[in-house]
Amino acid sequence: MRSGILTPSLSVVTTEVILCTHVHARASAATGSTHLDEREQARRNELLLAAHSLVGLASAGKTLARMIILDDRKDMALRHVNVPVLLRMGGLAVEVAHDRRTRSRAVARDWDESANLVG
């Protein structure tokens, strides 16, 4: 149980803490508040996806290397797959795709609409 769930989850938690602390500290320095607007939330999700993807790539590389090197115990190599990272990557990929879709649909107001709001 410890090596199957707890240990792989530590990389997810550590990555989340480091990146979220960075993003919120950056927002605090810029605006005086740790609250993130939509743009900063999208940026945080993209950074998290990139970081978790690197951890997932390392996990997959370790698994593949152990499968190649350990000819007689290939089934043991699969225990090095970091499932919590893969699940978090999937969730973040959906969020990032949704954020991009939302941004692509956002339409800027034309000059007539802006003039009506002011005047």
PDB file of N, CA and C in Angstrom:
ATOM      1  N   MET A   1       0.830  -1.197   0.000  1.00  0.00           N
ATOM      2  CA  MET A   1       0.000   0.000   0.000  1.00  0.00           C
ATOM      3  C   MET A   1       0.876   1.264   0.000  1.00  0.00           C
ATOM      4  N   ARG A   2       1.892   1.260   0.866  1.00  0.00           N
ATOM      5  CA  ARG A   2       2.746   2.436   0.979  1.00  0.00           C
ATOM      6  C   ARG A   2       3.456   2.731  -0.334  1.00  0.00           C
ATOM      7  N   SER A   3       4.041   1.716  -0.947  1.00  0.00           N
ATOM      8  CA  SER A   3       4.795   1.953  -2.174  1.00  0.00           C
ATOM      9  C   SER A   3       3.891   2.107  -3.390  1.00  0.00           C
ATOM     10  N   GLY A   4       2.643   1.674  -3.291  1.00  0.00           N
ATOM     11  CA  GLY A   4       1.742   1.746  -4.437  1.00  0.00           C
ATOM     12  C   GLY A   4       0.947   3.027  -4.536  1.00  0.00           C
ATOM     13  N   ILE A   5       0.606   3.626  -3.386  1.00  0.00           N
ATOM     14  CA  ILE A   5      -0.249   4.816  -3.408  1.00  0.00           C
ATOM     15  C   ILE A   5       0.430   6.020  -2.762  1.00  0.00           C
ATOM     16  N   LEU A   6       0.946   5.825  -1.552  1.00  0.00           N
ATOM     17  CA  LEU A   6       1.473   6.955  -0.792  1.00  0.00           C
ATOM     18  C   LEU A   6       2.726   7.546  -1.427  1.00  0.00           C
ATOM     19  N   THR A   7       3.683   6.734  -1.745  1.00  0.00           N
ATOM     20  CA  THR A   7       4.940   7.239  -2.295  1.00  0.00           C
ATOM     21  C   THR A   7       4.749   7.924  -3.646  1.00  0.00           C
ATOM     22  N   PRO A   8       4.022   7.354  -4.599  1.00  0.00           N
ATOM     23  CA  PRO A   8       3.805   8.069  -5.865  1.00  0.00           C
ATOM     24  C   PRO A   8       2.996   9.361  -5.680  1.00  0.00           C
ATOM     25  N   SER A   9       2.132   9.394  -4.686  1.00  0.00           N
ATOM     26  CA  SER A   9       1.329  10.596  -4.454  1.00  0.00           C
ATOM     27  C   SER A   9       2.171  11.751  -3.935  1.00  0.00           C
ATOM     28  N   LEU A  10       3.308  11.443  -3.312  1.00  0.00           N
ATOM     29  CA  LEU A  10       4.171  12.504  -2.802  1.00  0.00           C
ATOM     30  C   LEU A  10       4.689  13.404  -3.915  1.00  0.00           C
ATOM     31  N   SER A  11       4.989  12.839  -5.071  1.00  0.00           N
ATOM     32  CA  SER A  11       5.456  13.669  -6.180  1.00  0.00           C
ATOM     33  C   SER A  11       4.348  14.588  -6.678  1.00  0.00           C
ATOM     34  N   VAL A  12       3.113  14.106  -6.663  1.00  0.00           N
ATOM     35  CA  VAL A  12       1.979  14.946  -7.077  1.00  0.00           C
ATOM     36  C   VAL A  12       1.798  16.097  -6.091  1.00  0.00           C
ATOM     37  N   VAL A  13       1.791  15.773  -4.802  1.00  0.00           N
ATOM     38  CA  VAL A  13       1.574  16.791  -3.771  1.00  0.00           C
ATOM     39  C   VAL A  13       2.708  17.810  -3.778  1.00  0.00           C
ATOM     40  N   THR A  14       3.936  17.349  -3.888  1.00  0.00           N
ATOM     41  CA  THR A  14       5.085  18.256  -3.893  1.00  0.00           C
ATOM     42  C   THR A  14       5.035  19.204  -5.085  1.00  0.00           C
ATOM     43  N   THR A  15       4.748  18.682  -6.245  1.00  0.00           N
ATOM     44  CA  THR A  15       4.652  19.521  -7.442  1.00  0.00           C
ATOM     45  C   THR A  15       3.543  20.553  -7.298  1.00  0.00           C
ATOM     46  N   GLU A  16       2.388  20.125  -6.790  1.00  0.00           N
ATOM     47  CA  GLU A  16       1.263  21.045  -6.599  1.00  0.00           C
ATOM     48  C   GLU A  16       1.634  22.164  -5.626  1.00  0.00           C
ATOM     49  N   VAL A  17       2.248  21.806  -4.507  1.00  0.00           N
ATOM     50  CA  VAL A  17       2.596  22.806  -3.491  1.00  0.00           C
ATOM     51  C   VAL A  17       3.595  23.812  -4.035  1.00  0.00           C
ATOM     52  N   ILE A  18       4.630  23.332  -4.691  1.00  0.00           N
ATOM     53  CA  ILE A  18       5.667  24.240  -5.203  1.00  0.00           C
ATOM     54  C   ILE A  18       5.097  25.185  -6.258  1.00  0.00           C
ATOM     55  N   LEU A  19       4.380  24.657  -7.232  1.00  0.00           N
ATOM     56  CA  LEU A  19       3.874  25.516  -8.311  1.00  0.00           C
ATOM     57  C   LEU A  19       2.754  26.445  -7.852  1.00  0.00           C
ATOM     58  N   CYS A  20       1.852  25.943  -7.016  1.00  0.00           N
ATOM     59  CA  CYS A  20       0.769  26.811  -6.533  1.00  0.00           C
ATOM     60  C   CYS A  20       1.316  27.924  -5.647  1.00  0.00           C
ATOM     61  N   THR A  21       2.317  27.609  -4.834  1.00  0.00           N
ATOM     62  CA  THR A  21       2.951  28.644  -4.018  1.00  0.00           C
ATOM     63  C   THR A  21       3.591  29.698  -4.900  1.00  0.00           C
ATOM     64  N   HIS A  22       4.275  29.258  -5.941  1.00  0.00           N
ATOM     65  CA  HIS A  22       4.908  30.200  -6.869  1.00  0.00           C
ATOM     66  C   HIS A  22       3.878  31.101  -7.555  1.00  0.00           C
ATOM     67  N   VAL A  23       2.826  30.507  -8.080  1.00  0.00           N
ATOM     68  CA  VAL A  23       1.825  31.277  -8.825  1.00  0.00           C
ATOM     69  C   VAL A  23       1.102  32.262  -7.897  1.00  0.00           C
ATOM     70  N   HIS A  24       0.723  31.814  -6.708  1.00  0.00           N
ATOM     71  CA  HIS A  24       0.018  32.701  -5.787  1.00  0.00           C
ATOM     72  C   HIS A  24       0.944  33.796  -5.236  1.00  0.00           C
ATOM     73  N   ALA A  25       2.212  33.485  -5.003  1.00  0.00           N
ATOM     74  CA  ALA A  25       3.163  34.509  -4.564  1.00  0.00           C
ATOM     75  C   ALA A  25       3.388  35.540  -5.663  1.00  0.00           C
ATOM     76  N   ARG A  26       3.425  35.080  -6.895  1.00  0.00           N
ATOM     77  CA  ARG A  26       3.583  36.008  -8.021  1.00  0.00           C
ATOM     78  C   ARG A  26       2.366  36.930  -8.142  1.00  0.00           C
ATOM     79  N   ALA A  27       1.178  36.356  -7.962  1.00  0.00           N
ATOM     80  CA  ALA A  27      -0.042  37.170  -8.012  1.00  0.00           C
ATOM     81  C   ALA A  27      -0.069  38.153  -6.853  1.00  0.00           C
ATOM     82  N   SER A  28       0.385  37.728  -5.691  1.00  0.00           N
ATOM     83  CA  SER A  28       0.416  38.611  -4.521  1.00  0.00           C
ATOM     84  C   SER A  28       1.384  39.762  -4.741  1.00  0.00           C
ATOM     85  N   ALA A  29       2.527  39.491  -5.332  1.00  0.00           N
ATOM     86  CA  ALA A  29       3.503  40.551  -5.599  1.00  0.00           C
ATOM     87  C   ALA A  29       2.986  41.538  -6.637  1.00  0.00           C
ATOM     88  N   ALA A  30       2.227  41.048  -7.607  1.00  0.00           N
ATOM     89  CA  ALA A  30       1.739  41.917  -8.680  1.00  0.00           C
ATOM     90  C   ALA A  30       0.511  42.718  -8.279  1.00  0.00           C
ATOM     91  N   THR A  31      -0.418  42.077  -7.553  1.00  0.00           N
ATOM     92  CA  THR A  31      -1.695  42.737  -7.265  1.00  0.00           C
ATOM     93  C   THR A  31      -1.949  43.002  -5.790  1.00  0.00           C
ATOM     94  N   GLY A  32      -1.147  42.409  -4.915  1.00  0.00           N
ATOM     95  CA  GLY A  32      -1.387  42.575  -3.487  1.00  0.00           C
ATOM     96  C   GLY A  32      -2.387  41.575  -2.933  1.00  0.00           C
ATOM     97  N   SER A  33      -2.883  40.700  -3.778  1.00  0.00           N
ATOM     98  CA  SER A  33      -3.839  39.677  -3.371  1.00  0.00           C
ATOM     99  C   SER A  33      -3.414  38.337  -3.958  1.00  0.00           C
ATOM    100  N   THR A  34      -3.678  37.273  -3.211  1.00  0.00           N
ATOM    101  CA  THR A  34      -3.326  35.947  -3.726  1.00  0.00           C
ATOM    102  C   THR A  34      -4.421  35.377  -4.611  1.00  0.00           C
ATOM    103  N   HIS A  35      -5.519  36.108  -4.784  1.00  0.00           N
ATOM    104  CA  HIS A  35      -6.622  35.651  -5.640  1.00  0.00           C
ATOM    105  C   HIS A  35      -6.164  35.640  -7.094  1.00  0.00           C
ATOM    106  N   LEU A  36      -6.483  34.585  -7.801  1.00  0.00           N
ATOM    107  CA  LEU A  36      -6.100  34.450  -9.201  1.00  0.00           C
ATOM    108  C   LEU A  36      -7.287  34.739 -10.102  1.00  0.00           C
ATOM    109  N   ASP A  37      -7.052  35.555 -11.123  1.00  0.00           N
ATOM    110  CA  ASP A  37      -8.104  35.772 -12.111  1.00  0.00           C
ATOM    111  C   ASP A  37      -8.100  34.589 -13.080  1.00  0.00           C
ATOM    112  N   GLU A  38      -9.000  34.611 -14.052  1.00  0.00           N
ATOM    113  CA  GLU A  38      -9.131  33.484 -14.987  1.00  0.00           C
ATOM    114  C   GLU A  38      -7.851  33.231 -15.764  1.00  0.00           C
ATOM    115  N   ARG A  39      -7.189  34.299 -16.155  1.00  0.00           N
ATOM    116  CA  ARG A  39      -5.959  34.163 -16.934  1.00  0.00           C
ATOM    117  C   ARG A  39      -4.864  33.498 -16.102  1.00  0.00           C
ATOM    118  N   GLU A  40      -4.732  33.911 -14.854  1.00  0.00           N
ATOM    119  CA  GLU A  40      -3.726  33.322 -13.972  1.00  0.00           C
ATOM    120  C   GLU A  40      -4.076  31.881 -13.604  1.00  0.00           C
ATOM    121  N   GLN A  41      -5.358  31.575 -13.479  1.00  0.00           N
ATOM    122  CA  GLN A  41      -5.764  30.193 -13.207  1.00  0.00           C
ATOM    123  C   GLN A  41      -5.407  29.297 -14.389  1.00  0.00           C
ATOM    124  N   ALA A  42      -5.623  29.810 -15.596  1.00  0.00           N
ATOM    125  CA  ALA A  42      -5.266  29.044 -16.795  1.00  0.00           C
ATOM    126  C   ALA A  42      -3.754  28.832 -16.861  1.00  0.00           C
ATOM    127  N   ARG A  43      -3.005  29.863 -16.499  1.00  0.00           N
ATOM    128  CA  ARG A  43      -1.543  29.752 -16.484  1.00  0.00           C
ATOM    129  C   ARG A  43      -1.094  28.710 -15.458  1.00  0.00           C
ATOM    130  N   ARG A  44      -1.714  28.734 -14.263  1.00  0.00           N
ATOM    131  CA  ARG A  44      -1.384  27.758 -13.228  1.00  0.00           C
ATOM    132  C   ARG A  44      -1.651  26.334 -13.725  1.00  0.00           C
ATOM    133  N   ASN A  45      -2.797  26.125 -14.370  1.00  0.00           N
ATOM    134  CA  ASN A  45      -3.130  24.802 -14.889  1.00  0.00           C
ATOM    135  C   ASN A  45      -2.132  24.336 -15.944  1.00  0.00           C
ATOM    136  N   GLU A  46      -1.697  25.254 -16.814  1.00  0.00           N
ATOM    137  CA  GLU A  46      -0.728  24.898 -17.844  1.00  0.00           C
ATOM    138  C   GLU A  46       0.628  24.549 -17.232  1.00  0.00           C
ATOM    139  N   LEU A  47       1.054  25.321 -16.220  1.00  0.00           N
ATOM    140  CA  LEU A  47       2.311  25.018 -15.545  1.00  0.00           C
ATOM    141  C   LEU A  47       2.243  23.671 -14.831  1.00  0.00           C
ATOM    142  N   LEU A  48       1.117  23.411 -14.164  1.00  0.00           N
ATOM    143  CA  LEU A  48       0.949  22.137 -13.478  1.00  0.00           C
ATOM    144  C   LEU A  48       0.953  20.972 -14.462  1.00  0.00           C
ATOM    145  N   LEU A  49       0.296  21.150 -15.600  1.00  0.00           N
ATOM    146  CA  LEU A  49       0.283  20.092 -16.610  1.00  0.00           C
ATOM    147  C   LEU A  49       1.689  19.816 -17.119  1.00  0.00           C
ATOM    148  N   ALA A  50       2.463  20.870 -17.366  1.00  0.00           N
ATOM    149  CA  ALA A  50       3.839  20.681 -17.842  1.00  0.00           C
ATOM    150  C   ALA A  50       4.687  19.967 -16.791  1.00  0.00           C
ATOM    151  N   ALA A  51       4.566  20.383 -15.541  1.00  0.00           N
ATOM    152  CA  ALA A  51       5.370  19.772 -14.479  1.00  0.00           C
ATOM    153  C   ALA A  51       4.983  18.312 -14.254  1.00  0.00           C
ATOM    154  N   HIS A  52       3.682  18.045 -14.189  1.00  0.00           N
ATOM    155  CA  HIS A  52       3.249  16.659 -13.992  1.00  0.00           C
ATOM    156  C   HIS A  52       3.591  15.790 -15.199  1.00  0.00           C
ATOM    157  N   SER A  53       3.609  16.377 -16.381  1.00  0.00           N
ATOM    158  CA  SER A  53       4.000  15.623 -17.577  1.00  0.00           C
ATOM    159  C   SER A  53       5.463  15.199 -17.509  1.00  0.00           C
ATOM    160  N   LEU A  54       6.321  16.080 -16.975  1.00  0.00           N
ATOM    161  CA  LEU A  54       7.733  15.714 -16.811  1.00  0.00           C
ATOM    162  C   LEU A  54       7.898  14.575 -15.812  1.00  0.00           C
ATOM    163  N   VAL A  55       7.152  14.640 -14.713  1.00  0.00           N
ATOM    164  CA  VAL A  55       7.219  13.569 -13.717  1.00  0.00           C
ATOM    165  C   VAL A  55       6.681  12.270 -14.321  1.00  0.00           C
ATOM    166  N   GLY A  56       5.595  12.359 -15.070  1.00  0.00           N
ATOM    167  CA  GLY A  56       5.039  11.168 -15.724  1.00  0.00           C
ATOM    168  C   GLY A  56       5.993  10.584 -16.747  1.00  0.00           C
ATOM    169  N   LEU A  57       6.692  11.452 -17.465  1.00  0.00           N
ATOM    170  CA  LEU A  57       7.683  10.994 -18.447  1.00  0.00           C
ATOM    171  C   LEU A  57       8.831  10.268 -17.749  1.00  0.00           C
ATOM    172  N   ALA A  58       9.278  10.808 -16.630  1.00  0.00           N
ATOM    173  CA  ALA A  58      10.344  10.141 -15.866  1.00  0.00           C
ATOM    174  C   ALA A  58       9.872   8.778 -15.369  1.00  0.00           C
ATOM    175  N   SER A  59       8.636   8.711 -14.911  1.00  0.00           N
ATOM    176  CA  SER A  59       8.072   7.450 -14.444  1.00  0.00           C
ATOM    177  C   SER A  59       7.997   6.431 -15.582  1.00  0.00           C
ATOM    178  N   ALA A  60       7.529   6.869 -16.736  1.00  0.00           N
ATOM    179  CA  ALA A  60       7.433   5.963 -17.886  1.00  0.00           C
ATOM    180  C   ALA A  60       8.821   5.527 -18.354  1.00  0.00           C
ATOM    181  N   GLY A  61       9.785   6.450 -18.327  1.00  0.00           N
ATOM    182  CA  GLY A  61      11.154   6.110 -18.707  1.00  0.00           C
ATOM    183  C   GLY A  61      11.771   5.087 -17.769  1.00  0.00           C
ATOM    184  N   LYS A  62      11.525   5.263 -16.469  1.00  0.00           N
ATOM    185  CA  LYS A  62      12.046   4.309 -15.489  1.00  0.00           C
ATOM    186  C   LYS A  62      11.410   2.932 -15.687  1.00  0.00           C
ATOM    187  N   THR A  63      10.120   2.920 -15.945  1.00  0.00           N
ATOM    188  CA  THR A  63       9.428   1.651 -16.166  1.00  0.00           C
ATOM    189  C   THR A  63       9.970   0.957 -17.412  1.00  0.00           C
ATOM    190  N   LEU A  64      10.123   1.696 -18.484  1.00  0.00           N
ATOM    191  CA  LEU A  64      10.640   1.119 -19.731  1.00  0.00           C
ATOM    192  C   LEU A  64      12.066   0.617 -19.554  1.00  0.00           C
ATOM    193  N   ALA A  65      12.898   1.401 -18.887  1.00  0.00           N
ATOM    194  CA  ALA A  65      14.283   0.991 -18.668  1.00  0.00           C
ATOM    195  C   ALA A  65      14.352  -0.288 -17.848  1.00  0.00           C
ATOM    196  N   ARG A  66      13.515  -0.384 -16.820  1.00  0.00           N
ATOM    197  CA  ARG A  66      13.521  -1.597 -15.995  1.00  0.00           C
ATOM    198  C   ARG A  66      12.990  -2.803 -16.783  1.00  0.00           C
ATOM    199  N   MET A  67      12.049  -2.571 -17.690  1.00  0.00           N
ATOM    200  CA  MET A  67      11.534  -3.676 -18.506  1.00  0.00           C
ATOM    201  C   MET A  67      12.613  -4.183 -19.458  1.00  0.00           C
ATOM    202  N   ILE A  68      13.439  -3.282 -19.969  1.00  0.00           N
ATOM    203  CA  ILE A  68      14.492  -3.679 -20.906  1.00  0.00           C
ATOM    204  C   ILE A  68      15.633  -4.382 -20.170  1.00  0.00           C
ATOM    205  N   ILE A  69      16.006  -3.847 -19.024  1.00  0.00           N
ATOM    206  CA  ILE A  69      17.158  -4.380 -18.286  1.00  0.00           C
ATOM    207  C   ILE A  69      16.821  -5.676 -17.560  1.00  0.00           C
ATOM    208  N   LEU A  70      15.673  -5.715 -16.915  1.00  0.00           N
ATOM    209  CA  LEU A  70      15.311  -6.889 -16.121  1.00  0.00           C
ATOM    210  C   LEU A  70      14.482  -7.856 -16.961  1.00  0.00           C
ATOM    211  N   ASP A  71      15.148  -8.686 -17.724  1.00  0.00           N
ATOM    212  CA  ASP A  71      14.456  -9.603 -18.621  1.00  0.00           C
ATOM    213  C   ASP A  71      13.573 -10.603 -17.881  1.00  0.00           C
ATOM    214  N   ASP A  72      14.025 -11.093 -16.740  1.00  0.00           N
ATOM    215  CA  ASP A  72      13.288 -12.143 -16.067  1.00  0.00           C
ATOM    216  C   ASP A  72      12.161 -11.624 -15.172  1.00  0.00           C
ATOM    217  N   ARG A  73      12.127 -10.332 -14.871  1.00  0.00           N
ATOM    218  CA  ARG A  73      11.095  -9.795 -13.972  1.00  0.00           C
ATOM    219  C   ARG A  73      10.407  -8.578 -14.590  1.00  0.00           C
ATOM    220  N   LYS A  74       9.957  -8.703 -15.818  1.00  0.00           N
ATOM    221  CA  LYS A  74       9.313  -7.589 -16.508  1.00  0.00           C
ATOM    222  C   LYS A  74       8.029  -7.135 -15.824  1.00  0.00           C
ATOM    223  N   ASP A  75       7.308  -8.057 -15.212  1.00  0.00           N
ATOM    224  CA  ASP A  75       6.062  -7.685 -14.553  1.00  0.00           C
ATOM    225  C   ASP A  75       6.306  -6.799 -13.335  1.00  0.00           C
ATOM    226  N   MET A  76       7.465  -6.898 -12.724  1.00  0.00           N
ATOM    227  CA  MET A  76       7.794  -6.057 -11.577  1.00  0.00           C
ATOM    228  C   MET A  76       8.072  -4.612 -12.000  1.00  0.00           C
ATOM    229  N   ALA A  77       8.424  -4.410 -13.254  1.00  0.00           N
ATOM    230  CA  ALA A  77       8.722  -3.062 -13.725  1.00  0.00           C
ATOM    231  C   ALA A  77       7.475  -2.190 -13.753  1.00  0.00           C
ATOM    232  N   LEU A  78       6.331  -2.794 -13.927  1.00  0.00           N
ATOM    233  CA  LEU A  78       5.088  -2.014 -13.996  1.00  0.00           C
ATOM    234  C   LEU A  78       4.751  -1.316 -12.688  1.00  0.00           C
ATOM    235  N   ARG A  79       5.339  -1.736 -11.598  1.00  0.00           N
ATOM    236  CA  ARG A  79       5.045  -1.075 -10.331  1.00  0.00           C
ATOM    237  C   ARG A  79       5.659   0.318 -10.260  1.00  0.00           C
ATOM    238  N   HIS A  80       6.528   0.655 -11.206  1.00  0.00           N
ATOM    239  CA  HIS A  80       7.144   1.977 -11.226  1.00  0.00           C
ATOM    240  C   HIS A  80       6.297   3.009 -11.979  1.00  0.00           C
ATOM    241  N   VAL A  81       5.197   2.588 -12.550  1.00  0.00           N
ATOM    242  CA  VAL A  81       4.289   3.541 -13.202  1.00  0.00           C
ATOM    243  C   VAL A  81       3.613   4.373 -12.112  1.00  0.00           C
ATOM    244  N   ASN A  82       3.698   5.684 -12.239  1.00  0.00           N
ATOM    245  CA  ASN A  82       3.147   6.588 -11.237  1.00  0.00           C
ATOM    246  C   ASN A  82       1.697   6.917 -11.618  1.00  0.00           C
ATOM    247  N   VAL A  83       0.777   6.109 -11.147  1.00  0.00           N
ATOM    248  CA  VAL A  83      -0.638   6.241 -11.504  1.00  0.00           C
ATOM    249  C   VAL A  83      -1.238   7.568 -11.021  1.00  0.00           C
ATOM    250  N   PRO A  84      -0.961   8.025  -9.782  1.00  0.00           N
ATOM    251  CA  PRO A  84      -1.525   9.313  -9.368  1.00  0.00           C
ATOM    252  C   PRO A  84      -1.131  10.474 -10.284  1.00  0.00           C
ATOM    253  N   VAL A  85       0.107  10.460 -10.774  1.00  0.00           N
ATOM    254  CA  VAL A  85       0.543  11.513 -11.697  1.00  0.00           C
ATOM    255  C   VAL A  85      -0.223  11.409 -13.011  1.00  0.00           C
ATOM    256  N   LEU A  86      -0.409  10.206 -13.498  1.00  0.00           N
ATOM    257  CA  LEU A  86      -1.138  10.023 -14.756  1.00  0.00           C
ATOM    258  C   LEU A  86      -2.583  10.492 -14.622  1.00  0.00           C
ATOM    259  N   LEU A  87      -3.211  10.199 -13.482  1.00  0.00           N
ATOM    260  CA  LEU A  87      -4.585  10.657 -13.264  1.00  0.00           C
ATOM    261  C   LEU A  87      -4.656  12.175 -13.180  1.00  0.00           C
ATOM    262  N   ARG A  88      -3.700  12.797 -12.473  1.00  0.00           N
ATOM    263  CA  ARG A  88      -3.686  14.263 -12.363  1.00  0.00           C
ATOM    264  C   ARG A  88      -3.424  14.895 -13.719  1.00  0.00           C
ATOM    265  N   MET A  89      -2.542  14.288 -14.507  1.00  0.00           N
ATOM    266  CA  MET A  89      -2.275  14.798 -15.857  1.00  0.00           C
ATOM    267  C   MET A  89      -3.537  14.784 -16.706  1.00  0.00           C
ATOM    268  N   GLY A  90      -4.306  13.709 -16.613  1.00  0.00           N
ATOM    269  CA  GLY A  90      -5.549  13.614 -17.378  1.00  0.00           C
ATOM    270  C   GLY A  90      -6.533  14.694 -16.986  1.00  0.00           C
ATOM    271  N   GLY A  91      -6.693  14.916 -15.671  1.00  0.00           N
ATOM    272  CA  GLY A  91      -7.598  15.969 -15.196  1.00  0.00           C
ATOM    273  C   GLY A  91      -7.148  17.350 -15.634  1.00  0.00           C
ATOM    274  N   LEU A  92      -5.844  17.609 -15.538  1.00  0.00           N
ATOM    275  CA  LEU A  92      -5.318  18.905 -15.955  1.00  0.00           C
ATOM    276  C   LEU A  92      -5.430  19.100 -17.465  1.00  0.00           C
ATOM    277  N   ALA A  93      -5.245  18.036 -18.234  1.00  0.00           N
ATOM    278  CA  ALA A  93      -5.377  18.147 -19.689  1.00  0.00           C
ATOM    279  C   ALA A  93      -6.788  18.556 -20.077  1.00  0.00           C
ATOM    280  N   VAL A  94      -7.774  17.998 -19.385  1.00  0.00           N
ATOM    281  CA  VAL A  94      -9.171  18.379 -19.650  1.00  0.00           C
ATOM    282  C   VAL A  94      -9.394  19.844 -19.284  1.00  0.00           C
ATOM    283  N   GLU A  95      -8.862  20.288 -18.125  1.00  0.00           N
ATOM    284  CA  GLU A  95      -9.027  21.686 -17.707  1.00  0.00           C
ATOM    285  C   GLU A  95      -8.350  22.646 -18.678  1.00  0.00           C
ATOM    286  N   VAL A  96      -7.134  22.316 -19.109  1.00  0.00           N
ATOM    287  CA  VAL A  96      -6.403  23.184 -20.037  1.00  0.00           C
ATOM    288  C   VAL A  96      -7.132  23.265 -21.376  1.00  0.00           C
ATOM    289  N   ALA A  97      -7.633  22.147 -21.855  1.00  0.00           N
ATOM    290  CA  ALA A  97      -8.390  22.158 -23.115  1.00  0.00           C
ATOM    291  C   ALA A  97      -9.653  23.002 -22.985  1.00  0.00           C
ATOM    292  N   HIS A  98     -10.322  22.894 -21.836  1.00  0.00           N
ATOM    293  CA  HIS A  98     -11.523  23.702 -21.597  1.00  0.00           C
ATOM    294  C   HIS A  98     -11.165  25.192 -21.536  1.00  0.00           C
ATOM    295  N   ASP A  99     -10.072  25.536 -20.864  1.00  0.00           N
ATOM    296  CA  ASP A  99      -9.636  26.933 -20.786  1.00  0.00           C
ATOM    297  C   ASP A  99      -9.325  27.489 -22.171  1.00  0.00           C
ATOM    298  N   ARG A 100      -8.646  26.703 -22.979  1.00  0.00           N
ATOM    299  CA  ARG A 100      -8.312  27.174 -24.336  1.00  0.00           C
ATOM    300  C   ARG A 100      -9.560  27.338 -25.197  1.00  0.00           C
ATOM    301  N   ARG A 101     -10.496  26.411 -25.043  1.00  0.00           N
ATOM    302  CA  ARG A 101     -11.738  26.514 -25.802  1.00  0.00           C
ATOM    303  C   ARG A 101     -12.508  27.766 -25.379  1.00  0.00           C
ATOM    304  N   THR A 102     -12.540  28.045 -24.084  1.00  0.00           N
ATOM    305  CA  THR A 102     -13.235  29.223 -23.577  1.00  0.00           C
ATOM    306  C   THR A 102     -12.574  30.496 -24.088  1.00  0.00           C
ATOM    307  N   ARG A 103     -11.246  30.542 -24.068  1.00  0.00           N
ATOM    308  CA  ARG A 103     -10.535  31.732 -24.552  1.00  0.00           C
ATOM    309  C   ARG A 103     -10.719  31.937 -26.048  1.00  0.00           C
ATOM    310  N   SER A 104     -10.796  30.850 -26.814  1.00  0.00           N
ATOM    311  CA  SER A 104     -10.953  30.998 -28.258  1.00  0.00           C
ATOM    312  C   SER A 104     -12.349  31.491 -28.627  1.00  0.00           C
ATOM    313  N   ARG A 105     -13.329  31.205 -27.752  1.00  0.00           N
ATOM    314  CA  ARG A 105     -14.694  31.691 -28.008  1.00  0.00           C
ATOM    315  C   ARG A 105     -14.918  33.114 -27.530  1.00  0.00           C
ATOM    316  N   ALA A 106     -14.031  33.591 -26.663  1.00  0.00           N
ATOM    317  CA  ALA A 106     -14.199  34.952 -26.137  1.00  0.00           C
ATOM    318  C   ALA A 106     -14.041  35.952 -27.286  1.00  0.00           C
ATOM    319  N   VAL A 107     -15.011  36.799 -27.407  1.00  0.00           N
ATOM    320  CA  VAL A 107     -15.008  37.780 -28.481  1.00  0.00           C
ATOM    321  C   VAL A 107     -14.863  39.165 -27.868  1.00  0.00           C
ATOM    322  N   ALA A 108     -13.940  39.930 -28.406  1.00  0.00           N
ATOM    323  CA  ALA A 108     -13.767  41.302 -27.932  1.00  0.00           C
ATOM    324  C   ALA A 108     -14.932  42.161 -28.417  1.00  0.00           C
ATOM    325  N   ARG A 109     -15.309  43.105 -27.597  1.00  0.00           N
ATOM    326  CA  ARG A 109     -16.396  44.018 -27.984  1.00  0.00           C
ATOM    327  C   ARG A 109     -15.931  44.928 -29.120  1.00  0.00           C
ATOM    328  N   ASP A 110     -16.843  45.226 -30.015  1.00  0.00           N
ATOM    329  CA  ASP A 110     -16.485  46.158 -31.074  1.00  0.00           C
ATOM    330  C   ASP A 110     -16.634  47.585 -30.552  1.00  0.00           C
ATOM    331  N   TRP A 111     -16.263  48.556 -31.356  1.00  0.00           N
ATOM    332  CA  TRP A 111     -16.234  49.949 -30.921  1.00  0.00           C
ATOM    333  C   TRP A 111     -17.629  50.464 -30.581  1.00  0.00           C
ATOM    334  N   ASP A 112     -18.645  50.020 -31.308  1.00  0.00           N
ATOM    335  CA  ASP A 112     -20.009  50.494 -31.043  1.00  0.00           C
ATOM    336  C   ASP A 112     -20.480  50.042 -29.668  1.00  0.00           C
ATOM    337  N   GLU A 113     -20.228  48.801 -29.323  1.00  0.00           N
ATOM    338  CA  GLU A 113     -20.623  48.306 -28.006  1.00  0.00           C
ATOM    339  C   GLU A 113     -19.886  49.041 -26.895  1.00  0.00           C
ATOM    340  N   SER A 114     -18.591  49.293 -27.094  1.00  0.00           N
ATOM    341  CA  SER A 114     -17.792  50.006 -26.090  1.00  0.00           C
ATOM    342  C   SER A 114     -18.302  51.436 -25.919  1.00  0.00           C
ATOM    343  N   ALA A 115     -18.681  52.080 -27.023  1.00  0.00           N
ATOM    344  CA  ALA A 115     -19.180  53.452 -26.958  1.00  0.00           C
ATOM    345  C   ALA A 115     -20.518  53.496 -26.214  1.00  0.00           C
ATOM    346  N   ASN A 116     -21.379  52.493 -26.412  1.00  0.00           N
ATOM    347  CA  ASN A 116     -22.664  52.439 -25.722  1.00  0.00           C
ATOM    348  C   ASN A 116     -22.487  52.263 -24.213  1.00  0.00           C
ATOM    349  N   LEU A 117     -21.461  51.534 -23.804  1.00  0.00           N
ATOM    350  CA  LEU A 117     -21.208  51.325 -22.377  1.00  0.00           C
ATOM    351  C   LEU A 117     -20.726  52.608 -21.713  1.00  0.00           C
ATOM    352  N   VAL A 118     -19.915  53.366 -22.416  1.00  0.00           N
ATOM    353  CA  VAL A 118     -19.361  54.601 -21.860  1.00  0.00           C
ATOM    354  C   VAL A 118     -20.395  55.710 -21.886  1.00  0.00           C
ATOM    355  N   GLY A 119     -21.071  55.831 -22.969  1.00  0.00           N
ATOM    356  CA  GLY A 119     -21.978  56.967 -23.184  1.00  0.00           C
ATOM    357  C   GLY A 119     -23.340  56.714 -22.790  1.00  0.00           C
TER     358      GLY A 119
END
